[in-house]
Amino acid sequence: MQTKIFYLLLFVFNYSYSQTISYVIEDIDTFDDIAIAKNKDYILYEKTISDGTDKSIYLFKIDNLNDNEEYVIVVNNDRVRKTTLFDKSLKKQDKLKNTRYNTYKFKGKISPFFLKIETTKEAYIPVKIFDLNDYHQQEQINFLIIGGYFGFLLLIVILNLYYFFNFKELSFLFYALFVITLGAVFFINDGMLQFFKVSYSVSSYLESFFTYITVFFLVIFASIYLQVSKYIPKLNYVFCVLLIINFINLLLFFYTQDFTYLKWLDLLGLFILILCWLTGVYLYKQNMHIKVFAWAYFFILILGINFYGFRVLGITFYNINTKHLKMGAIIEMLTLSYAVVYRMRVLKNEYENIRLELDEYIKKFSSLSTELLQNKKEETLLLKYNLSIRETEVLHLVCLGKTNKIIAEELFISINTVKTHIRNIYEKLDINNRKEIKVKFKKK
């Protein structure tokens, strides 16, 4: 492995002084002597080091500090854990405990200091120096932002679970699961596992697992929400193949701990997310909630590509951090929450239409049942008393209290014919008048 040494000179001035950062780069085969960092010609350092997945050793020199101040140096990347700080006598300094990232405290009067960083995953190294008071204030703000974000996330999860249990719509459930797992990824990227003293290897396993499962839940949610099975059914097969390939990347990373597989896990996951978003764009004109989906995911997708994709590729477009990601996620959740409410209203209208159709069906069924019952009674009369179809019709109208004239008009026959049918009915039923017909018919 080619070892690359970065000598970074950080000039920190208090109050009216401005901080300048300079560096020098040397390629060496091995690193065994910090003293070589002295007496170098430094050049201006203007942006965070981002060398992709290059496995290297970076050496930072911190000098020209105010003798009366205490300082804190922080490496703001949870994937960078192998760091060591040396004082000017090359004595190792202890890390601060209960911090989110590798953090050291030192006094300016004993500078210079040397920070050695060994990158085993990615060579993205944002190094920041604060005076002690500013550091504590900044961390208080950071924890407030983290707490506020996860509080908002909890509300979104509860909202979607409420809609799921009320409407039995799976898209609400899988969106809630996506939000939970995305929150877990942000929790890890915020260095919270290091804050709770979770080991480096366990942190790596959890990060890779939640990265995969976040993409998995988003694909299922997008497939249901965008109605992929209805509009582009073959696309579901593409999603399945991509998820299987990414699952193989996950297993290979678990087995080898080679960051190359985590790199491809990130990149393929981003590709799947882009494909989900492009599906929304393709179906943009289908309905309102798909339009909301396309706009909601645009912002967080751009930020995610920069934060996860460009970093592992060694591209520095803009120094995106977890705060930017949270802002994008909040915009996405707020926008999709509107879509959730809109979709809930659509579902409510659909359920109302279904209820009205069901009521209409029940009415028709009831009417049909009554008609069938009447037909059954008429069939019974035909069989039991040997009545003809016309005699049965006349009998039914007589029971309703109709006169001979009205019966003749309704059946389009003469009054004499009606009288003839009634005489036959009297004879077959063994009765003498209309009153007995009604009594006998009710008994039957």
Protein backbone atom coordinates (compact mmCIF):
# COMPACT_ATOMS: atom_id res chain seq x y z
CA MET A 1 0.00 0.00 0.00
CA GLN A 2 1.33 3.36 -0.95
CA THR A 3 1.28 5.61 2.09
CA LYS A 4 0.55 9.25 1.58
CA ILE A 5 1.45 11.81 4.24
CA PHE A 6 -0.35 15.14 4.49
CA TYR A 7 1.33 17.77 6.65
CA LEU A 8 -1.34 20.31 7.46
CA LEU A 9 -0.32 23.51 9.21
CA LEU A 10 -3.23 25.19 11.00
CA PHE A 11 -2.59 28.79 12.09
CA VAL A 12 -5.23 29.73 14.64
CA PHE A 13 -5.41 33.34 15.77
CA ASN A 14 -7.68 34.67 18.49
CA TYR A 15 -10.18 37.56 18.15
CA SER A 16 -8.79 39.82 15.40
CA TYR A 17 -6.63 37.05 13.98
CA SER A 18 -7.87 34.79 11.19
CA GLN A 19 -7.21 31.09 10.86
CA THR A 20 -5.17 29.94 7.88
CA ILE A 21 -4.62 26.34 6.85
CA SER A 22 -1.64 25.17 4.83
CA TYR A 23 -0.36 21.75 3.87
CA VAL A 24 2.37 19.77 2.19
CA ILE A 25 2.07 16.33 0.57
CA GLU A 26 4.70 13.61 0.44
CA ASP A 27 4.49 10.06 -0.85
CA ILE A 28 6.44 7.55 1.21
CA ASP A 29 6.41 3.79 1.53
CA THR A 30 6.21 3.64 5.30
CA PHE A 31 5.59 6.06 8.12
CA ASP A 32 7.76 5.80 11.20
CA ASP A 33 9.00 9.29 12.09
CA ILE A 34 6.84 12.33 12.81
CA ALA A 35 9.96 14.50 12.88
CA ILE A 36 10.00 14.61 9.07
CA ALA A 37 7.02 16.93 9.24
CA LYS A 38 9.27 19.80 10.39
CA ASN A 39 10.78 22.42 8.12
CA LYS A 40 8.49 21.93 5.13
CA ASP A 41 7.30 24.53 2.65
CA TYR A 42 3.54 24.71 3.16
CA ILE A 43 0.95 25.86 0.64
CA LEU A 44 -2.54 27.23 1.28
CA TYR A 45 -5.18 24.63 2.16
CA GLU A 46 -8.61 25.72 0.88
CA LYS A 47 -10.95 22.73 1.11
CA THR A 48 -11.54 19.46 2.97
CA ILE A 49 -9.37 16.53 1.92
CA SER A 50 -11.43 14.10 -0.18
CA ASP A 51 -9.46 11.27 -1.80
CA GLY A 52 -12.23 8.69 -2.15
CA THR A 53 -11.34 5.28 -0.72
CA ASP A 54 -7.58 5.84 -0.76
CA LYS A 55 -6.00 4.04 2.23
CA SER A 56 -3.44 6.50 3.51
CA ILE A 57 -1.82 8.09 6.51
CA TYR A 58 -2.47 11.81 6.95
CA LEU A 59 -0.37 13.93 9.29
CA PHE A 60 -1.64 17.34 10.41
CA LYS A 61 0.55 19.92 12.09
CA ILE A 62 -1.20 22.38 14.40
CA ASP A 63 0.89 25.43 15.22
CA ASN A 64 0.86 29.18 15.88
CA LEU A 65 -1.79 28.99 18.59
CA ASN A 66 -2.56 31.54 21.28
CA ASP A 67 -0.56 30.51 24.35
CA ASN A 68 -3.38 31.50 26.72
CA GLU A 69 -6.14 29.49 25.05
CA GLU A 70 -7.35 25.87 25.23
CA TYR A 71 -8.31 24.31 21.93
CA VAL A 72 -10.27 21.33 20.65
CA ILE A 73 -9.58 19.53 17.38
CA VAL A 74 -12.31 17.35 15.85
CA VAL A 75 -12.33 14.93 12.90
CA ASN A 76 -15.98 15.19 11.77
CA ASN A 77 -16.33 11.81 10.07
CA ASP A 78 -17.57 8.71 11.88
CA ARG A 79 -15.80 6.51 9.32
CA VAL A 80 -12.45 7.91 10.46
CA ARG A 81 -11.64 6.32 13.80
CA LYS A 82 -7.88 5.62 13.70
CA THR A 83 -6.43 8.91 14.89
CA THR A 84 -3.61 9.86 17.26
CA LEU A 85 -2.59 13.28 18.56
CA PHE A 86 1.03 13.97 19.56
CA ASP A 87 2.43 16.99 21.35
CA LYS A 88 5.70 18.66 20.32
CA SER A 89 7.68 16.03 22.27
CA LEU A 90 5.76 13.35 20.31
CA LYS A 91 3.91 12.17 23.42
CA LYS A 92 0.46 10.73 22.68
CA GLN A 93 -2.54 12.69 23.92
CA ASP A 94 -5.76 11.13 25.22
CA LYS A 95 -9.02 11.48 23.34
CA LEU A 96 -11.90 13.29 24.98
CA LYS A 97 -14.55 10.91 26.30
CA ASN A 98 -18.27 11.06 25.48
CA THR A 99 -17.80 12.79 22.14
CA ARG A 100 -19.43 12.02 18.80
CA TYR A 101 -16.23 12.02 16.75
CA ASN A 102 -12.52 11.64 17.50
CA THR A 103 -11.83 14.75 19.57
CA TYR A 104 -8.76 16.06 21.42
CA LYS A 105 -8.23 18.96 23.81
CA PHE A 106 -4.88 20.75 24.10
CA LYS A 107 -3.29 24.01 25.26
CA GLY A 108 -1.88 26.48 22.77
CA LYS A 109 1.27 27.19 24.78
CA ILE A 110 2.69 23.71 24.17
CA SER A 111 2.22 23.70 20.39
CA PRO A 112 2.97 22.49 17.79
CA PHE A 113 0.81 19.34 17.80
CA PHE A 114 0.70 16.56 15.25
CA LEU A 115 -2.46 14.66 14.36
CA LYS A 116 -1.97 11.31 12.65
CA ILE A 117 -4.95 9.89 10.77
CA GLU A 118 -5.03 6.46 9.12
CA THR A 119 -7.88 6.03 6.64
CA THR A 120 -9.13 2.46 6.28
CA LYS A 121 -12.53 3.21 4.76
CA GLU A 122 -12.66 6.58 3.05
CA ALA A 123 -10.23 9.47 2.83
CA TYR A 124 -12.73 12.20 3.55
CA ILE A 125 -11.17 14.23 6.38
CA PRO A 126 -12.91 17.36 7.66
CA VAL A 127 -10.67 18.63 10.47
CA LYS A 128 -11.94 21.50 12.59
CA ILE A 129 -10.32 23.44 15.44
CA PHE A 130 -12.31 25.37 18.07
CA ASP A 131 -11.43 27.15 21.23
CA LEU A 132 -12.83 25.20 24.17
CA ASN A 133 -15.85 27.44 24.89
CA ASP A 134 -16.88 27.61 21.24
CA TYR A 135 -16.66 23.81 20.99
CA HIS A 136 -19.03 23.26 23.93
CA GLN A 137 -21.49 25.83 22.59
CA GLN A 138 -21.39 24.27 19.14
CA GLU A 139 -21.98 20.77 20.53
CA GLN A 140 -24.97 22.01 22.52
CA ILE A 141 -26.45 23.39 19.31
CA ASN A 142 -25.65 20.13 17.49
CA PHE A 143 -27.41 18.02 20.11
CA LEU A 144 -30.39 20.36 20.02
CA ILE A 145 -30.61 19.93 16.24
CA ILE A 146 -30.25 16.14 16.54
CA GLY A 147 -32.94 15.96 19.24
CA GLY A 148 -35.28 18.22 17.28
CA TYR A 149 -34.85 16.16 14.12
CA PHE A 150 -35.56 12.84 15.81
CA GLY A 151 -38.55 14.33 17.63
CA PHE A 152 -39.97 15.44 14.27
CA LEU A 153 -39.15 12.02 12.81
CA LEU A 154 -41.13 10.35 15.61
CA LEU A 155 -44.19 12.47 14.80
CA ILE A 156 -44.00 11.47 11.12
CA VAL A 157 -43.72 7.79 12.06
CA ILE A 158 -46.73 8.00 14.42
CA LEU A 159 -48.76 9.84 11.75
CA ASN A 160 -48.07 7.18 9.12
CA LEU A 161 -48.74 4.28 11.50
CA TYR A 162 -52.04 5.94 12.46
CA TYR A 163 -53.07 6.12 8.81
CA PHE A 164 -51.92 2.53 8.24
CA PHE A 165 -54.03 1.09 11.07
CA ASN A 166 -57.04 3.17 10.05
CA PHE A 167 -56.94 2.67 6.29
CA LYS A 168 -54.97 -0.61 6.03
CA GLU A 169 -52.86 0.99 3.29
CA LEU A 170 -49.38 -0.60 3.11
CA SER A 171 -47.70 2.48 1.67
CA PHE A 172 -48.10 4.20 5.06
CA LEU A 173 -46.45 1.29 6.88
CA PHE A 174 -43.44 1.08 4.56
CA TYR A 175 -42.95 4.83 4.56
CA ALA A 176 -42.85 4.73 8.37
CA LEU A 177 -40.25 1.93 8.22
CA PHE A 178 -38.22 3.90 5.68
CA VAL A 179 -38.22 6.99 7.92
CA ILE A 180 -37.13 4.89 10.93
CA THR A 181 -34.21 3.24 9.11
CA LEU A 182 -33.15 6.52 7.48
CA GLY A 183 -33.09 8.02 10.97
CA ALA A 184 -30.86 5.14 12.09
CA VAL A 185 -28.39 5.92 9.26
CA PHE A 186 -28.33 9.60 10.26
CA PHE A 187 -27.88 8.57 13.91
CA ILE A 188 -24.74 6.65 12.94
CA ASN A 189 -23.42 9.40 10.65
CA ASP A 190 -23.87 11.89 13.50
CA GLY A 191 -21.32 9.88 15.48
CA MET A 192 -23.86 8.85 18.11
CA LEU A 193 -22.62 5.26 18.23
CA GLN A 194 -19.15 6.54 19.10
CA PHE A 195 -20.77 8.80 21.72
CA PHE A 196 -22.32 5.68 23.30
CA LYS A 197 -18.97 3.85 23.03
CA VAL A 198 -20.04 1.34 20.38
CA SER A 199 -17.01 -0.37 18.87
CA TYR A 200 -15.68 0.52 15.42
CA SER A 201 -16.49 -2.91 13.92
CA VAL A 202 -20.05 -3.03 15.31
CA SER A 203 -20.64 0.51 14.03
CA SER A 204 -19.52 -0.58 10.56
CA TYR A 205 -21.88 -3.57 10.56
CA LEU A 206 -24.83 -1.45 11.71
CA GLU A 207 -24.12 1.30 9.19
CA SER A 208 -24.01 -1.12 6.26
CA PHE A 209 -27.13 -3.00 7.44
CA PHE A 210 -29.25 0.12 7.89
CA THR A 211 -27.99 1.56 4.60
CA TYR A 212 -29.29 -1.52 2.78
CA ILE A 213 -32.56 -1.83 4.68
CA THR A 214 -33.34 1.88 4.13
CA VAL A 215 -33.11 1.41 0.36
CA PHE A 216 -35.15 -1.82 0.65
CA PHE A 217 -38.06 -0.13 2.44
CA LEU A 218 -37.98 2.88 0.11
CA VAL A 219 -38.25 0.62 -2.95
CA ILE A 220 -41.30 -1.16 -1.51
CA PHE A 221 -42.89 2.15 -0.51
CA ALA A 222 -42.21 3.72 -3.92
CA SER A 223 -43.54 0.65 -5.74
CA ILE A 224 -46.83 0.78 -3.83
CA TYR A 225 -47.15 4.56 -3.71
CA LEU A 226 -46.37 5.05 -7.42
CA GLN A 227 -48.50 2.03 -8.40
CA VAL A 228 -45.61 0.55 -10.37
CA SER A 229 -47.49 -2.76 -10.81
CA LYS A 230 -50.22 -0.86 -12.65
CA TYR A 231 -48.15 1.48 -14.80
CA ILE A 232 -44.73 -0.24 -15.26
CA PRO A 233 -45.09 -3.83 -13.97
CA LYS A 234 -41.74 -5.05 -15.33
CA LEU A 235 -39.89 -2.41 -13.31
CA ASN A 236 -40.58 -4.41 -10.13
CA TYR A 237 -38.35 -7.18 -11.52
CA VAL A 238 -35.56 -4.64 -12.08
CA PHE A 239 -35.89 -3.47 -8.47
CA CYS A 240 -35.72 -7.07 -7.24
CA VAL A 241 -32.53 -7.79 -9.19
CA LEU A 242 -30.83 -4.62 -7.96
CA LEU A 243 -31.79 -5.33 -4.35
CA ILE A 244 -30.42 -8.88 -4.62
CA ILE A 245 -27.10 -7.58 -6.02
CA ASN A 246 -26.87 -5.02 -3.22
CA PHE A 247 -27.65 -7.71 -0.64
CA ILE A 248 -24.68 -9.68 -1.98
CA ASN A 249 -22.54 -6.54 -1.47
CA LEU A 250 -23.79 -6.40 2.11
CA LEU A 251 -22.91 -10.05 2.78
CA LEU A 252 -19.46 -9.64 1.23
CA PHE A 253 -18.78 -6.62 3.42
CA PHE A 254 -19.90 -8.54 6.52
CA TYR A 255 -17.58 -11.38 5.58
CA THR A 256 -14.49 -9.44 4.47
CA GLN A 257 -14.82 -6.01 6.16
CA ASP A 258 -13.45 -4.64 2.89
CA PHE A 259 -14.69 -1.07 2.47
CA THR A 260 -14.85 -1.58 -1.31
CA TYR A 261 -18.10 -3.53 -0.83
CA LEU A 262 -19.54 -0.81 1.41
CA LYS A 263 -18.59 1.68 -1.28
CA TRP A 264 -20.56 -0.28 -3.88
CA LEU A 265 -23.38 -0.74 -1.37
CA ASP A 266 -23.62 3.06 -1.11
CA LEU A 267 -23.32 3.68 -4.84
CA LEU A 268 -25.79 0.99 -5.94
CA GLY A 269 -28.18 2.13 -3.21
CA LEU A 270 -28.00 5.66 -4.60
CA PHE A 271 -28.62 4.33 -8.10
CA ILE A 272 -31.76 2.53 -6.86
CA LEU A 273 -32.96 5.73 -5.17
CA ILE A 274 -32.37 7.66 -8.41
CA LEU A 275 -34.36 5.01 -10.30
CA CYS A 276 -37.26 5.40 -7.83
CA TRP A 277 -37.20 9.15 -8.33
CA LEU A 278 -37.03 8.84 -12.14
CA THR A 279 -40.06 6.54 -11.96
CA GLY A 280 -41.93 9.30 -10.17
CA VAL A 281 -40.82 11.79 -12.83
CA TYR A 282 -41.94 9.39 -15.60
CA LEU A 283 -45.37 9.01 -13.98
CA TYR A 284 -45.51 12.70 -13.06
CA LYS A 285 -48.76 13.43 -14.93
CA GLN A 286 -50.73 10.48 -13.55
CA ASN A 287 -51.99 12.10 -10.34
CA MET A 288 -51.25 14.74 -7.72
CA HIS A 289 -49.52 12.59 -5.08
CA ILE A 290 -46.99 11.29 -7.63
CA LYS A 291 -46.09 14.90 -8.46
CA VAL A 292 -45.53 15.54 -4.75
CA PHE A 293 -43.32 12.43 -4.55
CA ALA A 294 -41.12 13.64 -7.40
CA TRP A 295 -40.59 17.06 -5.84
CA ALA A 296 -40.17 15.77 -2.28
CA TYR A 297 -37.35 13.39 -3.13
CA PHE A 298 -35.48 15.77 -5.41
CA PHE A 299 -33.83 17.74 -2.59
CA ILE A 300 -32.75 14.86 -0.35
CA LEU A 301 -31.60 12.88 -3.40
CA ILE A 302 -29.23 15.67 -4.49
CA LEU A 303 -27.86 15.98 -0.95
CA GLY A 304 -27.53 12.19 -0.63
CA ILE A 305 -25.60 11.89 -3.89
CA ASN A 306 -23.17 14.54 -2.68
CA PHE A 307 -22.81 13.17 0.87
CA TYR A 308 -22.63 9.43 0.14
CA GLY A 309 -21.72 9.21 -3.53
CA PHE A 310 -19.19 11.96 -4.18
CA ARG A 311 -17.31 11.32 -0.94
CA VAL A 312 -16.47 7.69 -1.72
CA LEU A 313 -15.54 8.69 -5.29
CA GLY A 314 -13.19 11.42 -4.08
CA ILE A 315 -15.27 14.23 -5.60
CA THR A 316 -15.74 17.47 -3.67
CA PHE A 317 -18.65 19.44 -5.08
CA TYR A 318 -19.90 21.01 -1.87
CA ASN A 319 -19.09 20.06 1.72
CA ILE A 320 -22.43 18.49 2.63
CA ASN A 321 -22.78 17.39 6.26
CA THR A 322 -25.48 15.66 8.29
CA LYS A 323 -27.14 19.00 9.07
CA HIS A 324 -27.81 19.54 5.37
CA LEU A 325 -29.11 15.98 5.08
CA LYS A 326 -31.51 16.56 7.96
CA MET A 327 -32.77 19.75 6.35
CA GLY A 328 -33.39 17.85 3.11
CA ALA A 329 -35.08 15.01 5.01
CA ILE A 330 -37.36 17.44 6.86
CA ILE A 331 -38.37 19.08 3.56
CA GLU A 332 -39.04 15.61 2.14
CA MET A 333 -41.06 14.49 5.18
CA LEU A 334 -43.10 17.72 5.30
CA THR A 335 -43.84 17.51 1.57
CA LEU A 336 -44.73 13.83 1.69
CA SER A 337 -46.81 14.41 4.82
CA TYR A 338 -48.93 16.70 2.69
CA ALA A 339 -49.09 13.90 0.10
CA VAL A 340 -50.08 11.47 2.88
CA VAL A 341 -52.99 13.72 3.89
CA TYR A 342 -53.95 14.21 0.24
CA ARG A 343 -53.81 10.47 -0.38
CA MET A 344 -55.83 9.87 2.79
CA ARG A 345 -58.55 12.14 1.42
CA VAL A 346 -58.49 10.29 -1.89
CA LEU A 347 -58.78 6.97 -0.05
CA LYS A 348 -61.61 8.37 2.08
CA ASN A 349 -63.50 9.38 -1.06
CA GLU A 350 -62.83 5.99 -2.60
CA TYR A 351 -64.11 4.23 0.53
CA GLU A 352 -67.20 6.50 0.55
CA ASN A 353 -67.93 5.64 -3.08
CA ILE A 354 -67.49 1.96 -2.30
CA ARG A 355 -69.90 2.29 0.66
CA LEU A 356 -72.51 4.01 -1.52
CA GLU A 357 -72.15 1.33 -4.20
CA LEU A 358 -72.49 -1.35 -1.54
CA ASP A 359 -75.67 0.28 -0.16
CA GLU A 360 -77.11 0.40 -3.67
CA TYR A 361 -76.21 -3.25 -4.17
CA ILE A 362 -77.90 -4.19 -0.90
CA LYS A 363 -81.06 -2.37 -1.96
CA LYS A 364 -81.08 -4.16 -5.30
CA PHE A 365 -80.43 -7.46 -3.58
CA SER A 366 -83.30 -6.83 -1.13
CA SER A 367 -85.65 -5.98 -4.00
CA LEU A 368 -84.58 -9.09 -5.86
CA SER A 369 -85.11 -11.22 -2.75
CA THR A 370 -88.65 -9.85 -2.36
CA GLU A 371 -89.39 -10.60 -5.98
CA LEU A 372 -88.02 -14.11 -5.66
CA LEU A 373 -90.12 -14.67 -2.54
CA GLN A 374 -93.24 -13.53 -4.36
CA ASN A 375 -92.42 -15.80 -7.26
CA LYS A 376 -91.96 -18.65 -4.81
CA LYS A 377 -95.40 -18.04 -3.30
CA GLU A 378 -96.97 -17.89 -6.74
CA GLU A 379 -95.22 -21.11 -7.70
CA THR A 380 -96.60 -22.75 -4.53
CA LEU A 381 -100.13 -21.67 -5.40
CA LEU A 382 -99.73 -23.00 -8.92
CA LEU A 383 -98.67 -26.39 -7.67
CA LYS A 384 -100.95 -26.77 -4.65
CA TYR A 385 -104.24 -25.51 -6.09
CA ASN A 386 -103.59 -26.23 -9.72
CA LEU A 387 -104.00 -22.55 -10.63
CA SER A 388 -103.04 -21.26 -14.03
CA ILE A 389 -100.57 -18.42 -14.43
CA ARG A 390 -103.39 -15.98 -15.26
CA GLU A 391 -105.48 -17.17 -12.31
CA THR A 392 -102.49 -16.61 -10.04
CA GLU A 393 -102.10 -13.06 -11.35
CA VAL A 394 -105.81 -12.37 -10.77
CA LEU A 395 -105.60 -13.86 -7.29
CA HIS A 396 -102.65 -11.61 -6.43
CA LEU A 397 -104.57 -8.48 -7.51
CA VAL A 398 -107.71 -9.56 -5.65
CA CYS A 399 -105.61 -9.90 -2.48
CA LEU A 400 -104.43 -6.35 -3.03
CA GLY A 401 -108.08 -5.19 -3.01
CA LYS A 402 -108.31 -4.37 -6.70
CA THR A 403 -111.78 -4.27 -8.37
CA ASN A 404 -112.70 -6.36 -11.39
CA LYS A 405 -112.48 -3.28 -13.60
CA ILE A 406 -108.97 -2.37 -12.42
CA ILE A 407 -107.81 -5.97 -12.71
CA ALA A 408 -109.11 -6.09 -16.29
CA GLU A 409 -107.24 -2.87 -17.13
CA GLU A 410 -103.95 -4.00 -15.58
CA LEU A 411 -104.05 -7.43 -17.23
CA PHE A 412 -105.51 -6.11 -20.53
CA ILE A 413 -108.48 -8.51 -20.45
CA SER A 414 -112.25 -8.04 -20.34
CA ILE A 415 -114.29 -7.80 -17.13
CA ASN A 416 -116.16 -11.00 -18.04
CA THR A 417 -112.85 -12.82 -18.38
CA VAL A 418 -111.88 -11.54 -14.92
CA LYS A 419 -115.15 -12.85 -13.50
CA THR A 420 -114.54 -16.23 -15.12
CA HIS A 421 -111.05 -16.45 -13.56
CA ILE A 422 -112.45 -15.49 -10.16
CA ARG A 423 -115.16 -18.23 -10.33
CA ASN A 424 -112.45 -20.78 -11.18
CA ILE A 425 -110.37 -19.52 -8.25
CA TYR A 426 -113.39 -19.87 -5.87
CA GLU A 427 -113.90 -23.40 -7.01
CA LYS A 428 -110.23 -24.46 -6.74
CA LEU A 429 -109.73 -22.79 -3.35
CA ASP A 430 -113.12 -24.02 -2.06
CA ILE A 431 -114.32 -20.54 -1.06
CA ASN A 432 -117.34 -18.33 -1.85
CA ASN A 433 -116.24 -14.65 -1.75
CA ARG A 434 -113.30 -12.22 -1.82
CA LYS A 435 -113.16 -11.94 1.95
CA GLU A 436 -112.45 -15.65 2.25
CA ILE A 437 -109.71 -15.30 -0.39
CA LYS A 438 -107.85 -12.77 1.75
CA VAL A 439 -108.26 -14.88 4.90
CA LYS A 440 -107.16 -18.08 3.19
CA PHE A 441 -104.21 -16.41 1.47
CA LYS A 442 -102.90 -14.91 4.74
CA LYS A 443 -103.07 -18.30 6.45
CA LYS A 444 -101.05 -19.80 3.66
